[in-house]
């Protein structure tokens, strides 16, 4: 039975300002009989415009004309047959879905900032994110691979394979990716380092490249530059079984690559690391990144890993405010819950604003469910919470303003989207109220 996945909403959050990525696709578990596959082609097909899909097949497959009016299961067989000789193209379809779920249109739009001639295709308002991703894979496979790298980085933020560091520097960080000699030494040291790590799979070859472009921020109308450095460590191919149109089982070999990521915000001077293999792997990658690509004399300091204390939201929380606090009110107007014994189920309870003012979802949920609101009930687990924060006026004659902060299980937040001042004010109060709790940095990978 295919594994069911909860797909998060495509959002502008968790988008890196600098990304260093050590690359690689999700690994299916293969027991010698049947692979457990999270991606289902027949469910992916209706998300992509047929004309765009056909162009993709013509470019990367056998130029076979697909009968798109056929049932999706038949169309899936035809696509698999057309792409049988190109394992990259088969994986690109799965990666298009990954892009949609992790960064979505904002991530695709960054490819248009890199190559302006691609913007109409990657930001077509009349087409889905999956369609735009497949269009990009048709037009520029190399750039598509770079966007895939960023999508994996987005997916990894806030997981147990993630750590964050800050760099004490008076100047904006400069990442020296244009120095060929430094990049070559960096690649050699990364390869030697990963080879010695017992929790990193044995790989065959390792390649490093980099990618410069600009992406928009939510708190300004400007475009902010960021750089992405990719390291591809090729693993042994994965055997995956597919059912043919003749109802027989065929095996295909899909490439696998080890992935990790380092995201560096050059203005806020923070570095986030996403890498499986344990704490020593993440520490080692950051140290090599610092040694080869950052100015001399800088030393990243680890930030405390924090969990979000969702127990605080089992009942409507009461937040205290001081005269000196920048925030005067907080309302929980949305919660996302996993029902008991759910297989891929997700319940979102949202209370719309009334006359521009946020309204608590707790009392509304009690009314909606006849006094039996699922919030806080046994077996209903939190997946996320949305807070509406009312900030006091910045000065005389100015109005108060409302900002939205999302908390995502187990560690994700949208604080990085906010201005530095709003970020600092919210984080200070979240810590005081117990929204955040410290976590042991040991891995459970």
Foldseek 3Di string as FASTA:
>chain_A
DAAEDQFAAADQFPQFQAKAKADWDDDWDDPPPATRHNDDQLVLVVQADVVLVLLLLCQQFQSDDAPVVDRSVVSVQVSCVRNQPPLVSVVLLVLLVLLCRFNFLQLLCQVCQQPVVLNCLSNVVVHGSSHSLSNCCSVPVVVSVVSSRSSVVRVQPLDLQKWKWFKDDPAFWFFPQVPPVLVVVLQVVLVVVLCPQPLRADFDDKDKDKDKGWGDAPVDPDTRIYMYMYMWTWDFWDWHWDQHPVRDIDIGTHTTTAMKMWGADRVRRMIMIGHPRWDVSRVVNVVSSCVRTTDPPMDIDTDFAKWFDCVCFLDFHDADDDPPAQWDDKAWFKWKKDAAPDRNDIDIQGDDDDPPHGDHRRVVQCVVVVNPRPRNDPRIDTQKIKMWTWGCAPDPPGHIDIDIKMDGPTGDIRLVSDDPVVSVSVVVRCVVRVRIDTDDSGGPD
